[in-house]
Amino acid sequence: MDYSKSGNPKGARSTLRGPDHAQKGAPKSVKPPRETQEELLARMKAAAAEKKAAKKDDKA
């Protein structure tokens, strides 16, 4: 029996991926600027103050 003929067919080995794959000259993706520690702490304190004020308003 010829075992090489059994099973799924093997895919093409050297096919081109198409024109959209890794084009040269494409614009690089830009990451958004990171938040500094001072900005992060200020944002967290403001959120905590808002939450505390909202909780205080709910009680009254």
PDB file of N, CA and C in Angstrom:
ATOM      1  N   MET A   1       0.843  -1.186   0.000  1.00  0.00           N
ATOM      2  CA  MET A   1       0.000   0.000   0.000  1.00  0.00           C
ATOM      3  C   MET A   1       0.882   1.242   0.000  1.00  0.00           C
ATOM      4  N   ASP A   2       0.459   2.244  -0.758  1.00  0.00           N
ATOM      5  CA  ASP A   2       1.230   3.477  -0.857  1.00  0.00           C
ATOM      6  C   ASP A   2       0.697   4.483   0.172  1.00  0.00           C
ATOM      7  N   TYR A   3       1.414   4.617   1.284  1.00  0.00           N
ATOM      8  CA  TYR A   3       0.947   5.479   2.365  1.00  0.00           C
ATOM      9  C   TYR A   3       1.081   6.974   2.038  1.00  0.00           C
ATOM     10  N   SER A   4       1.846   7.326   1.061  1.00  0.00           N
ATOM     11  CA  SER A   4       2.005   8.739   0.713  1.00  0.00           C
ATOM     12  C   SER A   4       0.732   9.323   0.114  1.00  0.00           C
ATOM     13  N   LYS A   5      -0.150   8.466  -0.388  1.00  0.00           N
ATOM     14  CA  LYS A   5      -1.379   8.946  -1.005  1.00  0.00           C
ATOM     15  C   LYS A   5      -2.532   9.064  -0.007  1.00  0.00           C
ATOM     16  N   SER A   6      -2.369   8.607   1.219  1.00  0.00           N
ATOM     17  CA  SER A   6      -3.452   8.652   2.199  1.00  0.00           C
ATOM     18  C   SER A   6      -3.396   9.952   3.001  1.00  0.00           C
ATOM     19  N   GLY A   7      -4.529  10.341   3.523  1.00  0.00           N
ATOM     20  CA  GLY A   7      -4.579  11.532   4.361  1.00  0.00           C
ATOM     21  C   GLY A   7      -4.905  12.777   3.560  1.00  0.00           C
ATOM     22  N   ASN A   8      -4.801  13.916   4.235  1.00  0.00           N
ATOM     23  CA  ASN A   8      -5.125  15.184   3.586  1.00  0.00           C
ATOM     24  C   ASN A   8      -4.046  15.576   2.596  1.00  0.00           C
ATOM     25  N   PRO A   9      -4.419  16.292   1.560  1.00  0.00           N
ATOM     26  CA  PRO A   9      -3.402  16.748   0.613  1.00  0.00           C
ATOM     27  C   PRO A   9      -2.524  17.821   1.250  1.00  0.00           C
ATOM     28  N   LYS A  10      -1.284  17.862   0.865  1.00  0.00           N
ATOM     29  CA  LYS A  10      -0.366  18.862   1.386  1.00  0.00           C
ATOM     30  C   LYS A  10      -0.584  20.176   0.652  1.00  0.00           C
ATOM     31  N   GLY A  11      -0.479  21.268   1.387  1.00  0.00           N
ATOM     32  CA  GLY A  11      -0.683  22.573   0.795  1.00  0.00           C
ATOM     33  C   GLY A  11       0.491  23.003  -0.063  1.00  0.00           C
ATOM     34  N   ALA A  12       0.273  24.050  -0.821  1.00  0.00           N
ATOM     35  CA  ALA A  12       1.335  24.589  -1.661  1.00  0.00           C
ATOM     36  C   ALA A  12       2.439  25.142  -0.774  1.00  0.00           C
ATOM     37  N   ARG A  13       3.659  24.931  -1.149  1.00  0.00           N
ATOM     38  CA  ARG A  13       4.769  25.302  -0.278  1.00  0.00           C
ATOM     39  C   ARG A  13       5.315  26.707  -0.533  1.00  0.00           C
ATOM     40  N   SER A  14       5.286  27.166  -1.731  1.00  0.00           N
ATOM     41  CA  SER A  14       5.918  28.457  -2.007  1.00  0.00           C
ATOM     42  C   SER A  14       4.942  29.405  -2.691  1.00  0.00           C
ATOM     43  N   THR A  15       3.789  29.608  -2.071  1.00  0.00           N
ATOM     44  CA  THR A  15       2.830  30.525  -2.662  1.00  0.00           C
ATOM     45  C   THR A  15       3.120  31.939  -2.168  1.00  0.00           C
ATOM     46  N   LEU A  16       2.859  32.889  -3.011  1.00  0.00           N
ATOM     47  CA  LEU A  16       3.051  34.277  -2.628  1.00  0.00           C
ATOM     48  C   LEU A  16       1.894  34.710  -1.731  1.00  0.00           C
ATOM     49  N   ARG A  17       2.150  35.592  -0.811  1.00  0.00           N
ATOM     50  CA  ARG A  17       1.133  35.983   0.148  1.00  0.00           C
ATOM     51  C   ARG A  17       0.220  37.084  -0.374  1.00  0.00           C
ATOM     52  N   GLY A  18       0.546  37.686  -1.452  1.00  0.00           N
ATOM     53  CA  GLY A  18      -0.314  38.716  -2.004  1.00  0.00           C
ATOM     54  C   GLY A  18       0.288  40.097  -1.816  1.00  0.00           C
ATOM     55  N   PRO A  19      -0.292  41.094  -2.457  1.00  0.00           N
ATOM     56  CA  PRO A  19       0.313  42.424  -2.452  1.00  0.00           C
ATOM     57  C   PRO A  19       0.185  43.155  -1.113  1.00  0.00           C
ATOM     58  N   ASP A  20      -0.762  42.774  -0.261  1.00  0.00           N
ATOM     59  CA  ASP A  20      -0.972  43.511   0.981  1.00  0.00           C
ATOM     60  C   ASP A  20      -0.055  43.069   2.112  1.00  0.00           C
ATOM     61  N   HIS A  21       0.623  41.964   1.945  1.00  0.00           N
ATOM     62  CA  HIS A  21       1.413  41.428   3.048  1.00  0.00           C
ATOM     63  C   HIS A  21       2.769  42.112   3.129  1.00  0.00           C
ATOM     64  N   ALA A  22       2.985  42.829   4.217  1.00  0.00           N
ATOM     65  CA  ALA A  22       4.283  43.458   4.529  1.00  0.00           C
ATOM     66  C   ALA A  22       4.804  44.308   3.377  1.00  0.00           C
ATOM     67  N   GLN A  23       4.018  45.262   2.978  1.00  0.00           N
ATOM     68  CA  GLN A  23       4.463  46.130   1.905  1.00  0.00           C
ATOM     69  C   GLN A  23       5.564  47.051   2.406  1.00  0.00           C
ATOM     70  N   LYS A  24       6.505  47.320   1.556  1.00  0.00           N
ATOM     71  CA  LYS A  24       7.564  48.249   1.904  1.00  0.00           C
ATOM     72  C   LYS A  24       7.022  49.664   1.781  1.00  0.00           C
ATOM     73  N   GLY A  25       7.477  50.523   2.647  1.00  0.00           N
ATOM     74  CA  GLY A  25       7.071  51.919   2.584  1.00  0.00           C
ATOM     75  C   GLY A  25       5.742  52.193   3.262  1.00  0.00           C
ATOM     76  N   ALA A  26       5.195  51.229   3.962  1.00  0.00           N
ATOM     77  CA  ALA A  26       3.932  51.451   4.665  1.00  0.00           C
ATOM     78  C   ALA A  26       4.192  52.319   5.892  1.00  0.00           C
ATOM     79  N   PRO A  27       3.237  53.155   6.272  1.00  0.00           N
ATOM     80  CA  PRO A  27       3.460  54.000   7.453  1.00  0.00           C
ATOM     81  C   PRO A  27       3.533  53.152   8.717  1.00  0.00           C
ATOM     82  N   LYS A  28       4.432  53.504   9.589  1.00  0.00           N
ATOM     83  CA  LYS A  28       4.603  52.779  10.841  1.00  0.00           C
ATOM     84  C   LYS A  28       3.468  53.129  11.787  1.00  0.00           C
ATOM     85  N   SER A  29       3.058  52.175  12.583  1.00  0.00           N
ATOM     86  CA  SER A  29       2.015  52.442  13.560  1.00  0.00           C
ATOM     87  C   SER A  29       2.606  53.282  14.691  1.00  0.00           C
ATOM     88  N   VAL A  30       1.829  54.219  15.177  1.00  0.00           N
ATOM     89  CA  VAL A  30       2.299  55.122  16.219  1.00  0.00           C
ATOM     90  C   VAL A  30       1.574  54.782  17.506  1.00  0.00           C
ATOM     91  N   LYS A  31       2.337  54.511  18.551  1.00  0.00           N
ATOM     92  CA  LYS A  31       1.742  54.215  19.847  1.00  0.00           C
ATOM     93  C   LYS A  31       1.352  55.531  20.517  1.00  0.00           C
ATOM     94  N   PRO A  32       0.252  55.541  21.244  1.00  0.00           N
ATOM     95  CA  PRO A  32      -0.119  56.758  21.955  1.00  0.00           C
ATOM     96  C   PRO A  32       0.901  57.045  23.059  1.00  0.00           C
ATOM     97  N   PRO A  33       1.107  58.309  23.399  1.00  0.00           N
ATOM     98  CA  PRO A  33       2.107  58.624  24.430  1.00  0.00           C
ATOM     99  C   PRO A  33       1.686  58.064  25.786  1.00  0.00           C
ATOM    100  N   ARG A  34       2.661  57.632  26.543  1.00  0.00           N
ATOM    101  CA  ARG A  34       2.364  57.056  27.856  1.00  0.00           C
ATOM    102  C   ARG A  34       2.112  58.144  28.877  1.00  0.00           C
ATOM    103  N   GLU A  35       1.310  57.813  29.850  1.00  0.00           N
ATOM    104  CA  GLU A  35       0.955  58.743  30.914  1.00  0.00           C
ATOM    105  C   GLU A  35       2.081  58.748  31.956  1.00  0.00           C
ATOM    106  N   THR A  36       2.458  59.937  32.437  1.00  0.00           N
ATOM    107  CA  THR A  36       3.483  59.998  33.473  1.00  0.00           C
ATOM    108  C   THR A  36       2.864  59.599  34.805  1.00  0.00           C
ATOM    109  N   GLN A  37       3.715  59.326  35.773  1.00  0.00           N
ATOM    110  CA  GLN A  37       3.214  58.890  37.074  1.00  0.00           C
ATOM    111  C   GLN A  37       2.416  59.999  37.756  1.00  0.00           C
ATOM    112  N   GLU A  38       2.855  61.257  37.591  1.00  0.00           N
ATOM    113  CA  GLU A  38       2.144  62.379  38.198  1.00  0.00           C
ATOM    114  C   GLU A  38       0.750  62.522  37.603  1.00  0.00           C
ATOM    115  N   GLU A  39       0.651  62.368  36.277  1.00  0.00           N
ATOM    116  CA  GLU A  39      -0.655  62.456  35.625  1.00  0.00           C
ATOM    117  C   GLU A  39      -1.569  61.321  36.074  1.00  0.00           C
ATOM    118  N   LEU A  40      -1.002  60.134  36.211  1.00  0.00           N
ATOM    119  CA  LEU A  40      -1.780  58.988  36.647  1.00  0.00           C
ATOM    120  C   LEU A  40      -2.315  59.204  38.061  1.00  0.00           C
ATOM    121  N   LEU A  41      -1.457  59.663  38.974  1.00  0.00           N
ATOM    122  CA  LEU A  41      -1.894  59.897  40.347  1.00  0.00           C
ATOM    123  C   LEU A  41      -2.958  60.978  40.404  1.00  0.00           C
ATOM    124  N   ALA A  42      -2.794  62.045  39.625  1.00  0.00           N
ATOM    125  CA  ALA A  42      -3.789  63.115  39.612  1.00  0.00           C
ATOM    126  C   ALA A  42      -5.128  62.597  39.102  1.00  0.00           C
ATOM    127  N   ARG A  43      -5.094  61.763  38.068  1.00  0.00           N
ATOM    128  CA  ARG A  43      -6.332  61.200  37.517  1.00  0.00           C
ATOM    129  C   ARG A  43      -7.003  60.266  38.524  1.00  0.00           C
ATOM    130  N   MET A  44      -6.207  59.462  39.229  1.00  0.00           N
ATOM    131  CA  MET A  44      -6.762  58.541  40.218  1.00  0.00           C
ATOM    132  C   MET A  44      -7.368  59.296  41.407  1.00  0.00           C
ATOM    133  N   LYS A  45      -6.687  60.368  41.852  1.00  0.00           N
ATOM    134  CA  LYS A  45      -7.210  61.161  42.961  1.00  0.00           C
ATOM    135  C   LYS A  45      -8.503  61.862  42.575  1.00  0.00           C
ATOM    136  N   ALA A  46      -8.580  62.359  41.350  1.00  0.00           N
ATOM    137  CA  ALA A  46      -9.799  63.024  40.889  1.00  0.00           C
ATOM    138  C   ALA A  46     -10.951  62.017  40.816  1.00  0.00           C
ATOM    139  N   ALA A  47     -10.670  60.812  40.345  1.00  0.00           N
ATOM    140  CA  ALA A  47     -11.712  59.793  40.255  1.00  0.00           C
ATOM    141  C   ALA A  47     -12.177  59.387  41.652  1.00  0.00           C
ATOM    142  N   ALA A  48     -11.249  59.286  42.601  1.00  0.00           N
ATOM    143  CA  ALA A  48     -11.616  58.927  43.966  1.00  0.00           C
ATOM    144  C   ALA A  48     -12.464  60.027  44.597  1.00  0.00           C
ATOM    145  N   ALA A  49     -12.117  61.294  44.347  1.00  0.00           N
ATOM    146  CA  ALA A  49     -12.879  62.411  44.894  1.00  0.00           C
ATOM    147  C   ALA A  49     -14.290  62.428  44.301  1.00  0.00           C
ATOM    148  N   GLU A  50     -14.410  62.160  43.001  1.00  0.00           N
ATOM    149  CA  GLU A  50     -15.729  62.103  42.357  1.00  0.00           C
ATOM    150  C   GLU A  50     -16.587  60.986  42.960  1.00  0.00           C
ATOM    151  N   LYS A  51     -15.967  59.836  43.171  1.00  0.00           N
ATOM    152  CA  LYS A  51     -16.695  58.701  43.724  1.00  0.00           C
ATOM    153  C   LYS A  51     -17.159  59.002  45.150  1.00  0.00           C
ATOM    154  N   LYS A  52     -16.275  59.661  45.921  1.00  0.00           N
ATOM    155  CA  LYS A  52     -16.612  60.010  47.300  1.00  0.00           C
ATOM    156  C   LYS A  52     -17.745  61.018  47.334  1.00  0.00           C
ATOM    157  N   ALA A  53     -17.710  62.006  46.421  1.00  0.00           N
ATOM    158  CA  ALA A  53     -18.773  63.021  46.361  1.00  0.00           C
ATOM    159  C   ALA A  53     -20.091  62.388  45.921  1.00  0.00           C
ATOM    160  N   ALA A  54     -20.038  61.462  44.997  1.00  0.00           N
ATOM    161  CA  ALA A  54     -21.260  60.806  44.534  1.00  0.00           C
ATOM    162  C   ALA A  54     -21.873  59.964  45.650  1.00  0.00           C
ATOM    163  N   LYS A  55     -21.014  59.292  46.404  1.00  0.00           N
ATOM    164  CA  LYS A  55     -21.490  58.467  47.515  1.00  0.00           C
ATOM    165  C   LYS A  55     -22.117  59.353  48.596  1.00  0.00           C
ATOM    166  N   LYS A  56     -21.506  60.522  48.837  1.00  0.00           N
ATOM    167  CA  LYS A  56     -22.005  61.456  49.840  1.00  0.00           C
ATOM    168  C   LYS A  56     -23.367  62.011  49.428  1.00  0.00           C
ATOM    169  N   ASP A  57     -23.535  62.284  48.120  1.00  0.00           N
ATOM    170  CA  ASP A  57     -24.799  62.797  47.606  1.00  0.00           C
ATOM    171  C   ASP A  57     -25.908  61.742  47.711  1.00  0.00           C
ATOM    172  N   ASP A  58     -25.545  60.485  47.515  1.00  0.00           N
ATOM    173  CA  ASP A  58     -26.530  59.401  47.595  1.00  0.00           C
ATOM    174  C   ASP A  58     -27.063  59.214  49.010  1.00  0.00           C
ATOM    175  N   LYS A  59     -26.192  59.442  50.004  1.00  0.00           N
ATOM    176  CA  LYS A  59     -26.595  59.294  51.404  1.00  0.00           C
ATOM    177  C   LYS A  59     -27.578  60.390  51.815  1.00  0.00           C
ATOM    178  N   ALA A  60     -27.338  61.616  51.356  1.00  0.00           N
ATOM    179  CA  ALA A  60     -28.150  62.761  51.782  1.00  0.00           C
ATOM    180  C   ALA A  60     -29.524  62.805  51.160  1.00  0.00           C
TER     181      ALA A  60
END
